[in-house]
Amino acid sequence: MIVANFRGLAAAWYQERLHSRGEAPSTLLELEIELCDEFEPDDLQDRLRDQLYELKQAHCVCLTEYVAKFRLICTQICNMTERDKVSWIQRGLRNRTAKSCKSDVVKR
C-alpha cells in the first residue's frame, strides 16, 4: 500500500488521520485530495507559473536542460492546455532557437 512508504510529516499526518477518523481513505483520489489539502501550499499553482515565466533557455547550459526544466514545471501545473505549453516554451527560447523552430514548422 502507498501509505506504507510515508515517512516523517506524511507518516505522522496519516497516523493522526487514522486515529481521528477511524478509517483509511476509501479511494486513491480521496487520499490524493487530502494530501494536497494538508501539504500543498495554497499558492502553489501561482508559484509554478511564476517559475515558468522566469524560465529562459539563456539561463540553462543547453536546450535539453531548458526542456527538462520546462517539463518538470509543466507536469505540476493543473489545467495547462497544449497551446499554453507551446506558447510558454517558445517564450523562453533564445531568439535563434525560436526562429529555427518557426522555420521548421513552415517547411512541413
Protein backbone atom coordinates (compact mmCIF):
# COMPACT_ATOMS: atom_id res chain seq x y z
CA MET A 1 0.00 0.00 0.00
CA ILE A 2 1.17 3.52 -0.78
CA VAL A 3 0.92 4.81 2.78
CA ALA A 4 3.48 2.23 3.94
CA ASN A 5 6.05 4.42 2.17
CA PHE A 6 5.09 7.59 4.06
CA ARG A 7 7.88 8.99 6.22
CA GLY A 8 8.28 11.96 8.53
CA LEU A 9 5.46 14.50 8.48
CA ALA A 10 3.40 12.50 5.99
CA ALA A 11 3.52 9.40 8.20
CA ALA A 12 2.61 11.42 11.29
CA TRP A 13 -0.25 13.13 9.45
CA TYR A 14 -1.60 9.79 8.21
CA GLN A 15 -1.48 8.18 11.66
CA GLU A 16 -3.31 11.17 13.15
CA ARG A 17 -5.88 11.00 10.36
CA LEU A 18 -6.49 7.29 11.02
CA HIS A 19 -6.80 7.93 14.75
CA SER A 20 -9.24 10.82 14.37
CA ARG A 21 -11.44 9.32 11.65
CA GLY A 22 -11.10 5.65 12.45
CA GLU A 23 -10.75 4.59 8.82
CA ALA A 24 -8.43 4.90 5.85
CA PRO A 25 -9.38 6.90 2.75
CA SER A 26 -11.64 4.75 0.59
CA THR A 27 -10.01 5.68 -2.74
CA LEU A 28 -6.66 6.80 -4.04
CA LEU A 29 -8.29 10.03 -5.25
CA GLU A 30 -9.57 10.74 -1.74
CA LEU A 31 -6.06 10.20 -0.36
CA GLU A 32 -4.56 12.47 -3.02
CA ILE A 33 -7.03 15.27 -2.28
CA GLU A 34 -6.39 15.05 1.45
CA LEU A 35 -2.62 15.03 0.97
CA CYS A 36 -2.80 18.09 -1.28
CA ASP A 37 -5.06 19.89 1.20
CA GLU A 38 -2.62 19.16 4.00
CA PHE A 39 0.76 19.70 2.34
CA GLU A 40 0.36 21.72 -0.85
CA PRO A 41 0.66 25.50 -0.40
CA ASP A 42 -2.45 27.42 -1.47
CA ASP A 43 -0.40 29.45 -3.94
CA LEU A 44 1.49 26.53 -5.49
CA GLN A 45 -0.05 26.99 -8.94
CA ASP A 46 0.87 30.69 -8.90
CA ARG A 47 4.43 29.86 -7.85
CA LEU A 48 4.78 27.28 -10.63
CA ARG A 49 3.51 29.75 -13.24
CA ASP A 50 5.97 32.32 -11.89
CA GLN A 51 8.78 29.77 -12.33
CA LEU A 52 7.64 29.19 -15.89
CA TYR A 53 7.60 32.94 -16.52
CA GLU A 54 11.17 33.25 -15.25
CA LEU A 55 12.48 30.19 -17.11
CA LYS A 56 14.71 31.12 -20.04
CA GLN A 57 16.85 28.98 -22.30
CA ALA A 58 19.62 31.55 -21.87
CA HIS A 59 19.83 30.63 -18.16
CA CYS A 60 20.40 26.96 -19.00
CA VAL A 61 23.54 25.18 -20.15
CA CYS A 62 21.79 23.73 -23.19
CA LEU A 63 18.42 23.31 -24.86
CA THR A 64 18.00 19.86 -23.30
CA GLU A 65 18.30 21.34 -19.80
CA TYR A 66 15.77 24.05 -20.67
CA VAL A 67 13.26 21.48 -21.96
CA ALA A 68 13.78 19.26 -18.90
CA LYS A 69 13.14 22.16 -16.51
CA PHE A 70 10.13 23.22 -18.56
CA ARG A 71 8.64 19.73 -18.42
CA LEU A 72 9.25 19.42 -14.70
CA ILE A 73 7.31 22.61 -14.04
CA CYS A 74 4.52 21.85 -16.54
CA THR A 75 3.79 18.42 -15.11
CA GLN A 76 2.89 20.10 -11.82
CA ILE A 77 0.64 22.81 -13.28
CA CYS A 78 -3.06 21.98 -13.33
CA ASN A 79 -5.23 22.65 -16.36
CA MET A 80 -2.49 23.79 -18.71
CA THR A 81 -3.50 23.32 -22.33
CA GLU A 82 -1.14 22.12 -25.04
CA ARG A 83 -1.48 25.52 -26.70
CA ASP A 84 -0.37 27.21 -23.46
CA LYS A 85 2.63 24.86 -23.24
CA VAL A 86 3.71 25.70 -26.79
CA SER A 87 3.37 29.43 -26.11
CA TRP A 88 5.30 29.23 -22.85
CA ILE A 89 8.15 27.11 -24.19
CA GLN A 90 8.57 29.38 -27.22
CA ARG A 91 8.53 32.46 -25.00
CA GLY A 92 11.61 31.26 -23.10
CA LEU A 93 13.65 30.18 -26.11
CA ARG A 94 16.65 32.10 -27.36
CA ASN A 95 15.78 34.11 -30.47
CA ARG A 96 17.89 31.93 -32.74
CA THR A 97 16.29 28.74 -31.43
CA ALA A 98 12.78 30.20 -31.72
CA LYS A 99 13.42 31.27 -35.33
CA SER A 100 14.77 27.83 -36.16
CA CYS A 101 11.64 26.21 -34.70
CA LYS A 102 9.37 28.51 -36.71
CA SER A 103 11.20 27.79 -39.96
CA ASP A 104 10.94 24.03 -39.29
CA VAL A 105 7.18 24.34 -38.84
CA VAL A 106 6.79 26.39 -42.04
CA LYS A 107 8.76 23.79 -44.05
CA ARG A 108 6.36 20.99 -43.05
